Amino acid sequence: MHPEFNKLLKGCRNYDRKAQRQMMDLLLPFLLSICKRYETPCWSAQDLVQESLILIFNNINDARPEERIFIGWCKKVTINTCLGRFRKKQLEQTDLSESLHSFQPEVFDQLGVEAIVSALRGLPEQQRLVFNLHVVDGYSHAEIASMLQLKESHARTLLTRARAALQDIFRTQAFSAS
């Protein structure tokens, strides 16, 4: 928690550049970590953070002043920015079909964070989005379907495919390490 959060937020609402810079420095690592989960190239994730910050500062008067709630609001704005980018790309691309497999969580027991993040980046975009929204951010299948403009059954299928692909990747890594 930032000790002078209310003062900082008030400064941002009054277009104080120094306060906006301090708020950006406070939010940047958190928002970048979100964007990196949704967008593979680092430069593209940085672009998403910039778009998110612009939206946050343009709509900062709509945010509630409690720090925890404000941070949650910023997270939601950022996720929606990432989803907006995805929707734009989705119009240009077609969905890839892949086979379904069951998910076995024991595959993930002995992996490091870097291995998991690297594997997530290797997933097809729709699968990565659904996996992040459900497993990492805790959205329901109905919420994901609504956000991505999919049928709920398709969102479930994408999650199953993502889990199967990750499982295959980690099995391969475990086999290679042996």
C-alpha atoms as a PDB file:
ATOM      1  CA  MET A   1       0.000   0.000   0.000  1.00  0.00           C
ATOM      2  CA  HIS A   2       1.185   3.442  -0.893  1.00  0.00           C
ATOM      3  CA  PRO A   3       1.189   5.678   2.219  1.00  0.00           C
ATOM      4  CA  GLU A   4      -0.163   8.790   0.457  1.00  0.00           C
ATOM      5  CA  PHE A   5      -2.462   7.099  -2.040  1.00  0.00           C
ATOM      6  CA  ASN A   6      -5.430   9.463  -1.556  1.00  0.00           C
ATOM      7  CA  LYS A   7      -3.228  12.516  -2.087  1.00  0.00           C
ATOM      8  CA  LEU A   8      -1.727  10.906  -5.188  1.00  0.00           C
ATOM      9  CA  LEU A   9      -5.159  10.050  -6.614  1.00  0.00           C
ATOM     10  CA  LYS A  10      -6.422  13.566  -5.947  1.00  0.00           C
ATOM     11  CA  GLY A  11      -3.383  14.972  -7.753  1.00  0.00           C
ATOM     12  CA  CYS A  12      -4.065  12.714 -10.742  1.00  0.00           C
ATOM     13  CA  ARG A  13      -7.676  13.857 -10.848  1.00  0.00           C
ATOM     14  CA  ASN A  14      -6.420  17.464 -10.909  1.00  0.00           C
ATOM     15  CA  TYR A  15      -4.072  16.659 -13.840  1.00  0.00           C
ATOM     16  CA  ASP A  16      -0.941  17.144 -11.719  1.00  0.00           C
ATOM     17  CA  ARG A  17       1.879  15.723 -13.895  1.00  0.00           C
ATOM     18  CA  LYS A  18       4.043  14.842 -10.893  1.00  0.00           C
ATOM     19  CA  ALA A  19       1.203  12.879  -9.273  1.00  0.00           C
ATOM     20  CA  GLN A  20       0.424  11.163 -12.587  1.00  0.00           C
ATOM     21  CA  ARG A  21       4.065  10.138 -12.931  1.00  0.00           C
ATOM     22  CA  GLN A  22       4.124   8.752  -9.382  1.00  0.00           C
ATOM     23  CA  MET A  23       0.879   6.853 -10.012  1.00  0.00           C
ATOM     24  CA  MET A  24       2.292   5.462 -13.248  1.00  0.00           C
ATOM     25  CA  ASP A  25       5.447   4.317 -11.439  1.00  0.00           C
ATOM     26  CA  LEU A  26       3.249   2.667  -8.808  1.00  0.00           C
ATOM     27  CA  LEU A  27       1.035   0.856 -11.343  1.00  0.00           C
ATOM     28  CA  LEU A  28       3.555   0.011 -14.068  1.00  0.00           C
ATOM     29  CA  PRO A  29       5.044  -3.272 -12.730  1.00  0.00           C
ATOM     30  CA  PHE A  30       1.599  -4.637 -11.855  1.00  0.00           C
ATOM     31  CA  LEU A  31       0.008  -3.720 -15.189  1.00  0.00           C
ATOM     32  CA  LEU A  32       2.996  -4.981 -17.162  1.00  0.00           C
ATOM     33  CA  SER A  33       2.795  -8.362 -15.449  1.00  0.00           C
ATOM     34  CA  ILE A  34      -0.864  -8.610 -16.495  1.00  0.00           C
ATOM     35  CA  CYS A  35      -0.166  -7.624 -20.092  1.00  0.00           C
ATOM     36  CA  LYS A  36       2.744 -10.053 -20.408  1.00  0.00           C
ATOM     37  CA  ARG A  37       0.367 -12.903 -19.594  1.00  0.00           C
ATOM     38  CA  TYR A  38      -1.966 -11.886 -22.397  1.00  0.00           C
ATOM     39  CA  GLU A  39       0.432 -10.720 -25.085  1.00  0.00           C
ATOM     40  CA  THR A  40       3.479 -12.687 -26.225  1.00  0.00           C
ATOM     41  CA  PRO A  41       5.997 -10.134 -27.535  1.00  0.00           C
ATOM     42  CA  CYS A  42       7.288  -7.911 -24.728  1.00  0.00           C
ATOM     43  CA  TRP A  43       7.043  -4.764 -26.872  1.00  0.00           C
ATOM     44  CA  SER A  44       3.392  -5.549 -27.555  1.00  0.00           C
ATOM     45  CA  ALA A  45       2.719  -6.010 -23.833  1.00  0.00           C
ATOM     46  CA  GLN A  46       4.338  -2.625 -23.230  1.00  0.00           C
ATOM     47  CA  ASP A  47       2.020  -1.094 -25.833  1.00  0.00           C
ATOM     48  CA  LEU A  48      -0.947  -2.593 -23.986  1.00  0.00           C
ATOM     49  CA  VAL A  49       0.274  -1.088 -20.706  1.00  0.00           C
ATOM     50  CA  GLN A  50       0.515   2.305 -22.378  1.00  0.00           C
ATOM     51  CA  GLU A  51      -3.027   1.971 -23.778  1.00  0.00           C
ATOM     52  CA  SER A  52      -4.259   0.877 -20.356  1.00  0.00           C
ATOM     53  CA  LEU A  53      -2.600   3.813 -18.585  1.00  0.00           C
ATOM     54  CA  ILE A  54      -4.157   6.236 -21.048  1.00  0.00           C
ATOM     55  CA  LEU A  55      -7.596   4.763 -20.349  1.00  0.00           C
ATOM     56  CA  ILE A  56      -6.971   4.793 -16.612  1.00  0.00           C
ATOM     57  CA  PHE A  57      -5.907   8.444 -16.557  1.00  0.00           C
ATOM     58  CA  ASN A  58      -8.688   9.511 -18.945  1.00  0.00           C
ATOM     59  CA  ASN A  59     -11.294   7.851 -16.722  1.00  0.00           C
ATOM     60  CA  ILE A  60      -9.677   8.322 -13.323  1.00  0.00           C
ATOM     61  CA  ASN A  61     -12.619  10.385 -12.072  1.00  0.00           C
ATOM     62  CA  ASP A  62     -14.818   7.283 -12.439  1.00  0.00           C
ATOM     63  CA  ALA A  63     -12.590   5.248 -10.096  1.00  0.00           C
ATOM     64  CA  ARG A  64     -13.405   4.775  -6.439  1.00  0.00           C
ATOM     65  CA  PRO A  65     -10.863   6.356  -4.079  1.00  0.00           C
ATOM     66  CA  GLU A  66     -10.069   3.268  -1.949  1.00  0.00           C
ATOM     67  CA  GLU A  67      -6.626   1.978  -2.966  1.00  0.00           C
ATOM     68  CA  ARG A  68      -7.549  -1.714  -3.112  1.00  0.00           C
ATOM     69  CA  ILE A  69     -10.649  -1.023  -5.199  1.00  0.00           C
ATOM     70  CA  PHE A  70      -8.726   1.382  -7.441  1.00  0.00           C
ATOM     71  CA  ILE A  71      -6.030  -1.232  -8.114  1.00  0.00           C
ATOM     72  CA  GLY A  72      -8.742  -3.791  -8.947  1.00  0.00           C
ATOM     73  CA  TRP A  73     -10.340  -1.286 -11.316  1.00  0.00           C
ATOM     74  CA  CYS A  74      -6.966  -0.719 -13.006  1.00  0.00           C
ATOM     75  CA  LYS A  75      -6.560  -4.487 -13.372  1.00  0.00           C
ATOM     76  CA  LYS A  76      -9.977  -4.752 -15.001  1.00  0.00           C
ATOM     77  CA  VAL A  77      -9.230  -1.858 -17.376  1.00  0.00           C
ATOM     78  CA  THR A  78      -5.958  -3.547 -18.333  1.00  0.00           C
ATOM     79  CA  ILE A  79      -7.531  -6.959 -18.909  1.00  0.00           C
ATOM     80  CA  ASN A  80     -10.249  -5.353 -21.022  1.00  0.00           C
ATOM     81  CA  THR A  81      -7.557  -3.542 -23.036  1.00  0.00           C
ATOM     82  CA  CYS A  82      -5.832  -6.878 -23.660  1.00  0.00           C
ATOM     83  CA  LEU A  83      -9.137  -8.444 -24.677  1.00  0.00           C
ATOM     84  CA  GLY A  84      -9.838  -5.546 -27.010  1.00  0.00           C
ATOM     85  CA  ARG A  85      -6.540  -6.191 -28.771  1.00  0.00           C
ATOM     86  CA  PHE A  86      -7.450  -9.866 -28.998  1.00  0.00           C
ATOM     87  CA  ARG A  87     -10.868  -9.101 -30.514  1.00  0.00           C
ATOM     88  CA  LYS A  88      -9.211  -6.905 -33.107  1.00  0.00           C
ATOM     89  CA  LYS A  89      -6.780  -9.688 -34.032  1.00  0.00           C
ATOM     90  CA  GLN A  90      -9.585 -12.240 -33.997  1.00  0.00           C
ATOM     91  CA  LEU A  91     -11.319 -10.415 -36.813  1.00  0.00           C
ATOM     92  CA  GLU A  92      -8.197 -10.952 -38.904  1.00  0.00           C
ATOM     93  CA  GLN A  93      -7.573 -14.596 -38.054  1.00  0.00           C
ATOM     94  CA  THR A  94      -9.452 -17.881 -37.942  1.00  0.00           C
ATOM     95  CA  ASP A  95      -9.617 -20.259 -35.016  1.00  0.00           C
ATOM     96  CA  LEU A  96      -7.218 -23.210 -35.040  1.00  0.00           C
ATOM     97  CA  SER A  97      -8.639 -26.635 -34.270  1.00  0.00           C
ATOM     98  CA  GLU A  98      -6.747 -28.987 -31.969  1.00  0.00           C
ATOM     99  CA  SER A  99      -7.524 -32.285 -30.277  1.00  0.00           C
ATOM    100  CA  LEU A 100      -8.924 -32.479 -26.736  1.00  0.00           C
ATOM    101  CA  HIS A 101      -7.055 -34.126 -23.879  1.00  0.00           C
ATOM    102  CA  SER A 102      -7.715 -34.460 -20.176  1.00  0.00           C
ATOM    103  CA  PHE A 103      -5.831 -32.273 -17.722  1.00  0.00           C
ATOM    104  CA  GLN A 104      -3.595 -33.858 -15.111  1.00  0.00           C
ATOM    105  CA  PRO A 105      -2.394 -31.255 -12.590  1.00  0.00           C
ATOM    106  CA  GLU A 106       0.525 -33.354 -11.312  1.00  0.00           C
ATOM    107  CA  VAL A 107       2.416 -32.388 -14.478  1.00  0.00           C
ATOM    108  CA  PHE A 108       2.801 -28.854 -13.059  1.00  0.00           C
ATOM    109  CA  ASP A 109       4.048 -29.886  -9.603  1.00  0.00           C
ATOM    110  CA  GLN A 110       7.783 -29.481 -10.184  1.00  0.00           C
ATOM    111  CA  LEU A 111       7.963 -26.574 -12.631  1.00  0.00           C
ATOM    112  CA  GLY A 112       9.439 -23.137 -12.175  1.00  0.00           C
ATOM    113  CA  VAL A 113       7.646 -19.885 -12.927  1.00  0.00           C
ATOM    114  CA  GLU A 114       9.797 -19.177 -15.984  1.00  0.00           C
ATOM    115  CA  ALA A 115       8.960 -22.572 -17.521  1.00  0.00           C
ATOM    116  CA  ILE A 116       5.245 -21.979 -17.016  1.00  0.00           C
ATOM    117  CA  VAL A 117       5.348 -18.418 -18.412  1.00  0.00           C
ATOM    118  CA  SER A 118       7.368 -19.607 -21.392  1.00  0.00           C
ATOM    119  CA  ALA A 119       4.896 -22.412 -22.075  1.00  0.00           C
ATOM    120  CA  LEU A 120       1.947 -20.004 -21.813  1.00  0.00           C
ATOM    121  CA  ARG A 121       3.553 -17.757 -24.407  1.00  0.00           C
ATOM    122  CA  GLY A 122       3.697 -20.729 -26.754  1.00  0.00           C
ATOM    123  CA  LEU A 123      -0.055 -21.325 -26.681  1.00  0.00           C
ATOM    124  CA  PRO A 124      -2.334 -20.130 -29.468  1.00  0.00           C
ATOM    125  CA  GLU A 125      -3.761 -16.740 -28.569  1.00  0.00           C
ATOM    126  CA  GLN A 126      -7.338 -17.775 -27.786  1.00  0.00           C
ATOM    127  CA  GLN A 127      -6.162 -20.607 -25.551  1.00  0.00           C
ATOM    128  CA  ARG A 128      -3.726 -18.335 -23.714  1.00  0.00           C
ATOM    129  CA  LEU A 129      -6.460 -15.752 -23.127  1.00  0.00           C
ATOM    130  CA  VAL A 130      -8.990 -18.270 -21.821  1.00  0.00           C
ATOM    131  CA  PHE A 131      -6.375 -19.964 -19.630  1.00  0.00           C
ATOM    132  CA  ASN A 132      -5.284 -16.637 -18.111  1.00  0.00           C
ATOM    133  CA  LEU A 133      -8.833 -15.416 -17.587  1.00  0.00           C
ATOM    134  CA  HIS A 134     -10.004 -18.627 -15.922  1.00  0.00           C
ATOM    135  CA  VAL A 135      -6.999 -20.045 -14.082  1.00  0.00           C
ATOM    136  CA  VAL A 136      -5.035 -16.903 -13.222  1.00  0.00           C
ATOM    137  CA  ASP A 137      -7.713 -14.200 -12.973  1.00  0.00           C
ATOM    138  CA  GLY A 138     -10.578 -16.403 -11.749  1.00  0.00           C
ATOM    139  CA  TYR A 139     -13.283 -15.524 -14.273  1.00  0.00           C
ATOM    140  CA  SER A 140     -16.086 -18.049 -14.832  1.00  0.00           C
ATOM    141  CA  HIS A 141     -16.671 -19.698 -18.205  1.00  0.00           C
ATOM    142  CA  ALA A 142     -19.817 -17.589 -18.657  1.00  0.00           C
ATOM    143  CA  GLU A 143     -17.879 -14.364 -18.007  1.00  0.00           C
ATOM    144  CA  ILE A 144     -15.092 -15.432 -20.372  1.00  0.00           C
ATOM    145  CA  ALA A 145     -17.595 -16.328 -23.083  1.00  0.00           C
ATOM    146  CA  SER A 146     -19.201 -12.913 -22.721  1.00  0.00           C
ATOM    147  CA  MET A 147     -15.874 -11.050 -22.779  1.00  0.00           C
ATOM    148  CA  LEU A 148     -14.551 -12.899 -25.823  1.00  0.00           C
ATOM    149  CA  GLN A 149     -17.925 -13.108 -27.558  1.00  0.00           C
ATOM    150  CA  LEU A 150     -17.844 -16.921 -27.651  1.00  0.00           C
ATOM    151  CA  LYS A 151     -20.225 -19.667 -26.682  1.00  0.00           C
ATOM    152  CA  GLU A 152     -19.583 -20.875 -23.158  1.00  0.00           C
ATOM    153  CA  SER A 153     -18.922 -24.400 -24.471  1.00  0.00           C
ATOM    154  CA  HIS A 154     -16.237 -23.012 -26.803  1.00  0.00           C
ATOM    155  CA  ALA A 155     -14.568 -21.216 -23.889  1.00  0.00           C
ATOM    156  CA  ARG A 156     -14.512 -24.516 -21.981  1.00  0.00           C
ATOM    157  CA  THR A 157     -13.058 -26.278 -25.012  1.00  0.00           C
ATOM    158  CA  LEU A 158     -10.313 -23.664 -25.372  1.00  0.00           C
ATOM    159  CA  LEU A 159      -9.413 -24.071 -21.697  1.00  0.00           C
ATOM    160  CA  THR A 160      -9.245 -27.839 -22.079  1.00  0.00           C
ATOM    161  CA  ARG A 161      -7.052 -27.480 -25.155  1.00  0.00           C
ATOM    162  CA  ALA A 162      -4.764 -25.014 -23.386  1.00  0.00           C
ATOM    163  CA  ARG A 163      -4.349 -27.347 -20.436  1.00  0.00           C
ATOM    164  CA  ALA A 164      -3.650 -30.306 -22.723  1.00  0.00           C
ATOM    165  CA  ALA A 165      -1.090 -28.325 -24.725  1.00  0.00           C
ATOM    166  CA  LEU A 166       0.646 -27.169 -21.546  1.00  0.00           C
ATOM    167  CA  GLN A 167       0.655 -30.707 -20.237  1.00  0.00           C
ATOM    168  CA  ASP A 168       2.274 -31.958 -23.453  1.00  0.00           C
ATOM    169  CA  ILE A 169       4.891 -29.188 -23.296  1.00  0.00           C
ATOM    170  CA  PHE A 170       5.764 -30.015 -19.688  1.00  0.00           C
ATOM    171  CA  ARG A 171       5.876 -33.753 -20.332  1.00  0.00           C
ATOM    172  CA  THR A 172       8.326 -33.095 -23.165  1.00  0.00           C
ATOM    173  CA  GLN A 173      10.440 -30.872 -20.885  1.00  0.00           C
ATOM    174  CA  ALA A 174      10.399 -33.488 -18.111  1.00  0.00           C
ATOM    175  CA  PHE A 175      11.360 -36.214 -20.572  1.00  0.00           C
ATOM    176  CA  SER A 176      14.184 -34.060 -21.988  1.00  0.00           C
ATOM    177  CA  ALA A 177      15.521 -33.327 -18.506  1.00  0.00           C
ATOM    178  CA  SER A 178      15.683 -37.019 -17.569  1.00  0.00           C
END
